[in-house]
Amino acid sequence: MSSANTGLPGPPPHSKLIIGAFDLPLFSGHFFNELLGYKAAAEALGLEPRIFVPRSTAHALAAPLGAERCLEPIRNLAGIDDLKDAIEEFLRVSEELDYLWTIIEREDLTKVGAIIFATTHAAVVRGVALWLRKVPIDPLPPMFFRFTSQFAETPRPADSKLAIPYRLAAKDLSTRAGQERVFFLVNGTSMRRAVARICARRSFMVPMSKYLDGASPDLRAPGSPTVYIHVNRRIGALSGTVGDIIRRIRLGVRNAKFIIKFTYEGCLHGEAAALPRGSASLIEVLPPSRISSNI
């Protein structure tokens, strides 16, 4: 009996959601939780999540995601001092991504509902532009690049060294047939302005995926859980809500303790003053000079 006769919805026109994640260093941070969010959302929609992560990803990170460890690492261009070296690295990586397009094409593009790159690298944007020269347009699913903090800590993003590879990649993409199926996603207005100016391309405000299922309102567990809060310039106005965040956490976890790292002096003296009164025994505030990886 067909779905038309039963009144029930038929199978989805596409059966897979592909997520490329070149950054998955630890459980902490947003990377792992974001990918869990995509996985949960895909499964709720009846799609099979196909998550690809770096070869170097620990099995303990990849296993809960059902992720395939197959991506080659991409170097952070911000860490390359010489501009010429950074541009050469950007061009080299963008031209060596054929293995990635082969992996994606093996999933059968006619069955893929969307492709998401959880973190945007300029080399991958240009890589997509080069791929569009070869891949048939008709079965090509929409592709989404998420911009998170590429330019957030630069006072003048459009004048930064990092802007040049993104400008080149976006320019190349704009000349390709099928480029209208590529979308840039951002988290906030400052990133939207930076992307518009640097990439000359419209972006869309889409909140970062979060995985919240399984969280219990009653998290009272033996011992005193410690919450680490990292406050830097990227979070903007949210830096002024740290005190409220602590109060809300303590409503559900009365014995929680907190370590707060303010990454610059102005933030330390401003937002630290707004921390809850009488909570000195629960909160340790670290100075900007303290290295977070040693905590």
Protein backbone atom coordinates (compact mmCIF):
# COMPACT_ATOMS: atom_id res chain seq x y z
CA MET A 1 0.00 0.00 0.00
CA SER A 2 1.45 3.37 -0.98
CA SER A 3 1.78 6.35 1.34
CA ALA A 4 -0.69 8.21 -0.90
CA ASN A 5 -3.38 5.67 0.00
CA THR A 6 -2.65 5.58 3.72
CA GLY A 7 -2.34 9.33 4.23
CA LEU A 8 1.02 8.77 5.91
CA PRO A 9 4.09 10.73 4.82
CA GLY A 10 6.31 8.88 2.42
CA PRO A 11 10.07 8.49 2.71
CA PRO A 12 12.07 11.72 2.63
CA PRO A 13 13.27 12.73 -0.85
CA HIS A 14 16.81 12.65 0.53
CA SER A 15 18.19 10.25 3.08
CA LYS A 16 21.53 11.68 4.20
CA LEU A 17 23.01 14.75 5.87
CA ILE A 18 26.75 15.19 5.37
CA ILE A 19 28.79 17.12 7.93
CA GLY A 20 32.45 17.92 7.35
CA ALA A 21 34.24 18.86 10.57
CA PHE A 22 37.92 19.72 10.20
CA ASP A 23 38.11 20.80 13.86
CA LEU A 24 37.36 18.36 16.66
CA PRO A 25 40.14 18.67 19.23
CA LEU A 26 38.41 17.87 22.54
CA PHE A 27 35.11 17.12 24.24
CA SER A 28 35.18 20.64 25.72
CA GLY A 29 34.40 23.62 23.54
CA HIS A 30 31.56 23.85 21.08
CA PHE A 31 32.87 21.48 18.40
CA PHE A 32 31.77 18.14 19.83
CA ASN A 33 28.44 19.41 21.16
CA GLU A 34 27.63 21.08 17.84
CA LEU A 35 28.21 17.86 15.93
CA LEU A 36 26.03 15.97 18.37
CA GLY A 37 23.34 18.55 17.65
CA TYR A 38 23.57 17.95 13.90
CA LYS A 39 23.48 14.20 14.45
CA ALA A 40 20.38 14.40 16.67
CA ALA A 41 18.62 16.79 14.27
CA ALA A 42 19.34 14.59 11.25
CA GLU A 43 18.03 11.49 13.00
CA ALA A 44 14.89 13.35 14.12
CA LEU A 45 14.25 14.22 10.47
CA GLY A 46 14.73 10.63 9.34
CA LEU A 47 18.11 11.37 7.75
CA GLU A 48 21.30 9.38 8.13
CA PRO A 49 24.04 11.65 9.51
CA ARG A 50 27.36 11.11 7.76
CA ILE A 51 29.97 12.92 9.81
CA PHE A 52 33.57 13.17 8.61
CA VAL A 53 36.31 14.26 11.04
CA PRO A 54 40.13 14.46 10.95
CA ARG A 55 42.15 11.25 10.85
CA SER A 56 43.84 12.32 14.08
CA THR A 57 40.56 12.47 16.02
CA ALA A 58 40.53 10.27 19.10
CA HIS A 59 38.27 7.22 18.88
CA ALA A 60 36.51 8.34 22.07
CA LEU A 61 35.45 11.55 20.28
CA ALA A 62 34.48 9.99 16.96
CA ALA A 63 32.55 6.98 18.30
CA PRO A 64 29.58 8.82 19.93
CA LEU A 65 29.16 10.76 16.69
CA GLY A 66 29.34 7.69 14.48
CA ALA A 67 31.96 9.72 12.64
CA GLU A 68 34.38 8.51 10.01
CA ARG A 69 37.97 9.62 10.63
CA CYS A 70 39.14 10.47 7.12
CA LEU A 71 39.91 14.20 6.79
CA GLU A 72 43.40 15.58 6.41
CA PRO A 73 44.21 18.36 8.92
CA ILE A 74 44.03 21.95 7.75
CA ARG A 75 46.52 24.37 9.20
CA ASN A 76 45.17 27.54 10.80
CA LEU A 77 46.31 30.38 8.55
CA ALA A 78 46.24 32.80 11.47
CA GLY A 79 49.21 30.91 12.87
CA ILE A 80 51.38 31.58 9.78
CA ASP A 81 53.27 34.82 10.23
CA ASP A 82 54.41 35.42 6.68
CA LEU A 83 51.58 36.46 4.35
CA LYS A 84 53.19 34.85 1.31
CA ASP A 85 53.47 31.54 3.15
CA ALA A 86 49.84 31.78 4.30
CA ILE A 87 48.58 32.39 0.74
CA GLU A 88 50.67 29.51 -0.61
CA GLU A 89 49.30 27.18 2.08
CA PHE A 90 45.75 28.29 1.31
CA LEU A 91 46.18 27.62 -2.42
CA ARG A 92 47.94 24.29 -1.87
CA VAL A 93 45.27 22.89 0.45
CA SER A 94 42.38 24.07 -1.73
CA GLU A 95 43.86 22.18 -4.68
CA GLU A 96 44.44 18.97 -2.69
CA LEU A 97 40.84 18.30 -1.63
CA ASP A 98 39.93 15.88 -4.39
CA TYR A 99 39.94 13.09 -1.80
CA LEU A 100 37.15 14.90 0.09
CA TRP A 101 34.95 15.32 -2.98
CA THR A 102 35.48 11.61 -3.77
CA ILE A 103 34.30 10.71 -0.25
CA ILE A 104 31.21 12.89 -0.63
CA GLU A 105 30.39 11.66 -4.13
CA ARG A 106 30.50 8.06 -2.87
CA GLU A 107 27.49 8.90 -0.70
CA ASP A 108 25.44 9.39 -3.90
CA LEU A 109 24.59 13.10 -4.24
CA THR A 110 21.02 12.26 -5.26
CA LYS A 111 20.48 10.97 -1.71
CA VAL A 112 22.15 13.88 0.10
CA GLY A 113 19.84 16.56 1.52
CA ALA A 114 22.58 18.99 2.49
CA ILE A 115 26.31 19.33 3.15
CA ILE A 116 27.45 21.30 6.18
CA PHE A 117 30.98 22.41 6.96
CA ALA A 118 30.89 22.96 10.70
CA THR A 119 33.93 25.22 10.65
CA THR A 120 34.81 27.36 7.66
CA HIS A 121 38.31 27.27 6.20
CA ALA A 122 39.11 29.50 3.25
CA ALA A 123 40.81 26.59 1.49
CA VAL A 124 37.62 24.51 1.63
CA VAL A 125 35.54 27.40 0.24
CA ARG A 126 37.91 27.62 -2.73
CA GLY A 127 37.98 23.83 -2.89
CA VAL A 128 34.20 23.83 -3.38
CA ALA A 129 34.64 26.42 -6.15
CA LEU A 130 37.08 24.11 -7.90
CA TRP A 131 34.78 21.12 -7.34
CA LEU A 132 31.90 22.98 -8.98
CA ARG A 133 33.85 22.94 -12.23
CA LYS A 134 33.57 19.14 -12.33
CA VAL A 135 30.52 17.99 -10.38
CA PRO A 136 27.12 17.82 -12.16
CA ILE A 137 24.93 20.68 -10.93
CA ASP A 138 21.56 18.89 -11.03
CA PRO A 139 22.04 16.49 -8.09
CA LEU A 140 24.18 18.98 -6.16
CA PRO A 141 22.71 19.50 -2.67
CA PRO A 142 22.86 22.85 -0.88
CA MET A 143 26.13 23.45 0.97
CA PHE A 144 26.52 25.47 4.15
CA PHE A 145 29.65 27.01 5.64
CA ARG A 146 29.48 28.09 9.28
CA PHE A 147 31.56 31.13 10.21
CA THR A 148 32.20 31.24 13.95
CA SER A 149 35.21 33.28 15.03
CA GLN A 150 37.44 33.71 12.00
CA PHE A 151 37.60 37.50 12.32
CA ALA A 152 36.09 38.09 15.77
CA GLU A 153 39.29 39.10 17.55
CA THR A 154 40.52 41.43 14.81
CA PRO A 155 39.67 45.14 15.35
CA ARG A 156 39.51 45.73 11.57
CA PRO A 157 38.60 42.34 10.05
CA ALA A 158 38.62 43.48 6.42
CA ASP A 159 42.22 44.71 6.76
CA SER A 160 43.56 41.60 8.47
CA LYS A 161 45.93 39.11 6.87
CA LEU A 162 43.31 36.40 7.34
CA ALA A 163 40.84 38.32 5.17
CA ILE A 164 42.87 37.87 1.98
CA PRO A 165 42.41 34.08 1.54
CA TYR A 166 38.68 34.40 2.31
CA ARG A 167 38.33 37.23 -0.17
CA LEU A 168 40.09 35.19 -2.87
CA ALA A 169 38.04 32.07 -2.10
CA ALA A 170 34.70 33.91 -2.18
CA LYS A 171 35.65 35.66 -5.42
CA ASP A 172 36.49 32.34 -7.06
CA LEU A 173 33.26 30.78 -5.77
CA SER A 174 31.17 33.65 -7.17
CA THR A 175 32.30 32.83 -10.73
CA ARG A 176 31.19 29.19 -10.67
CA ALA A 177 27.96 27.70 -11.97
CA GLY A 178 26.13 26.29 -8.97
CA GLN A 179 27.51 28.88 -6.54
CA GLU A 180 23.93 29.89 -5.69
CA ARG A 181 23.63 26.59 -3.81
CA VAL A 182 26.39 27.60 -1.38
CA PHE A 183 25.35 29.49 1.76
CA PHE A 184 27.34 31.22 4.50
CA LEU A 185 26.00 30.98 8.07
CA VAL A 186 26.99 33.28 10.95
CA ASN A 187 26.27 33.50 14.67
CA GLY A 188 26.05 37.25 15.18
CA THR A 189 25.81 40.69 13.60
CA SER A 190 29.54 41.50 13.87
CA MET A 191 30.43 38.31 12.00
CA ARG A 192 27.73 39.03 9.42
CA ARG A 193 29.23 42.48 8.76
CA ALA A 194 32.74 41.02 8.49
CA VAL A 195 31.66 38.28 6.09
CA ALA A 196 29.72 40.73 3.94
CA ARG A 197 32.65 43.11 3.67
CA ILE A 198 35.36 40.49 3.14
CA CYS A 199 33.50 37.92 1.03
CA ALA A 200 31.03 40.25 -0.70
CA ARG A 201 28.43 37.60 -0.10
CA ARG A 202 25.18 37.49 1.83
CA SER A 203 25.19 35.45 5.02
CA PHE A 204 22.39 34.07 7.14
CA MET A 205 21.99 34.31 10.90
CA VAL A 206 21.58 30.75 12.16
CA PRO A 207 22.19 29.85 15.83
CA MET A 208 24.83 27.22 16.43
CA SER A 209 23.43 23.72 16.82
CA LYS A 210 23.38 22.56 20.45
CA TYR A 211 22.76 19.09 21.80
CA LEU A 212 20.59 19.36 24.93
CA ASP A 213 18.76 16.04 25.00
CA GLY A 214 19.53 13.96 28.07
CA ALA A 215 20.34 16.94 30.27
CA SER A 216 18.57 16.62 33.60
CA PRO A 217 17.31 19.59 35.64
CA ASP A 218 18.48 17.73 38.75
CA LEU A 219 22.21 17.26 38.39
CA ARG A 220 23.00 16.74 42.06
CA ALA A 221 25.89 14.30 42.02
CA PRO A 222 28.43 13.30 44.65
CA GLY A 223 31.24 15.80 44.98
CA SER A 224 31.39 19.36 43.73
CA PRO A 225 31.39 19.69 39.93
CA THR A 226 33.64 22.44 38.56
CA VAL A 227 32.50 24.65 35.68
CA TYR A 228 35.17 26.39 33.62
CA ILE A 229 34.05 29.65 32.00
CA HIS A 230 36.34 31.16 29.36
CA VAL A 231 35.61 34.83 28.66
CA ASN A 232 37.23 36.45 25.65
CA ARG A 233 36.45 39.24 23.21
CA ARG A 234 34.47 36.96 20.89
CA ILE A 235 31.49 36.68 23.18
CA GLY A 236 30.86 40.43 23.14
CA ALA A 237 27.99 41.56 25.36
CA LEU A 238 27.67 38.06 26.84
CA SER A 239 30.74 38.81 28.95
CA GLY A 240 28.50 40.97 31.12
CA THR A 241 26.18 38.04 31.90
CA VAL A 242 28.70 35.75 33.59
CA GLY A 243 27.24 36.51 37.01
CA ASP A 244 23.74 35.63 35.82
CA ILE A 245 25.03 32.41 34.21
CA ILE A 246 26.57 31.38 37.53
CA ARG A 247 23.37 32.11 39.43
CA ARG A 248 21.32 30.04 36.98
CA ILE A 249 23.69 27.08 37.14
CA ARG A 250 23.58 27.12 40.93
CA LEU A 251 19.79 26.93 40.88
CA GLY A 252 20.16 23.38 39.58
CA VAL A 253 23.60 22.47 40.89
CA ARG A 254 23.90 23.95 44.36
CA ASN A 255 27.38 22.60 45.03
CA ALA A 256 28.95 23.72 41.73
CA LYS A 257 32.22 25.60 41.80
CA PHE A 258 33.58 27.83 39.07
CA ILE A 259 36.89 28.73 37.46
CA ILE A 260 36.64 31.86 35.33
CA LYS A 261 39.34 32.95 32.91
CA PHE A 262 39.12 36.55 31.68
CA THR A 263 41.44 36.91 28.70
CA TYR A 264 42.04 40.66 28.80
CA GLU A 265 42.43 43.22 31.59
CA GLY A 266 39.43 45.40 30.76
CA CYS A 267 37.16 42.36 30.95
CA LEU A 268 38.77 41.24 34.21
CA HIS A 269 38.10 44.53 35.98
CA GLY A 270 34.65 45.10 34.47
CA GLU A 271 32.80 41.80 34.43
CA ALA A 272 34.50 40.41 37.54
CA ALA A 273 32.84 43.16 39.54
CA ALA A 274 29.41 41.82 38.48
CA LEU A 275 29.95 38.34 39.91
CA PRO A 276 27.48 37.22 42.58
CA ARG A 277 28.17 38.63 46.03
CA GLY A 278 29.12 36.20 48.76
CA SER A 279 30.37 33.66 46.26
CA ALA A 280 34.10 34.11 46.70
CA SER A 281 34.51 30.59 48.10
CA LEU A 282 32.88 29.12 44.96
CA ILE A 283 34.66 31.12 42.28
CA GLU A 284 38.31 31.28 41.29
CA VAL A 285 39.13 34.10 38.88
CA LEU A 286 42.25 33.59 36.78
CA PRO A 287 44.25 36.52 35.41
CA PRO A 288 44.77 36.93 31.64
CA SER A 289 48.39 35.81 32.00
CA ARG A 290 47.40 32.30 33.14
CA ILE A 291 47.55 29.72 30.33
CA SER A 292 44.20 27.90 30.07
CA SER A 293 45.71 24.61 28.89
CA ASN A 294 47.43 24.25 32.26
CA ILE A 295 44.15 24.38 34.22
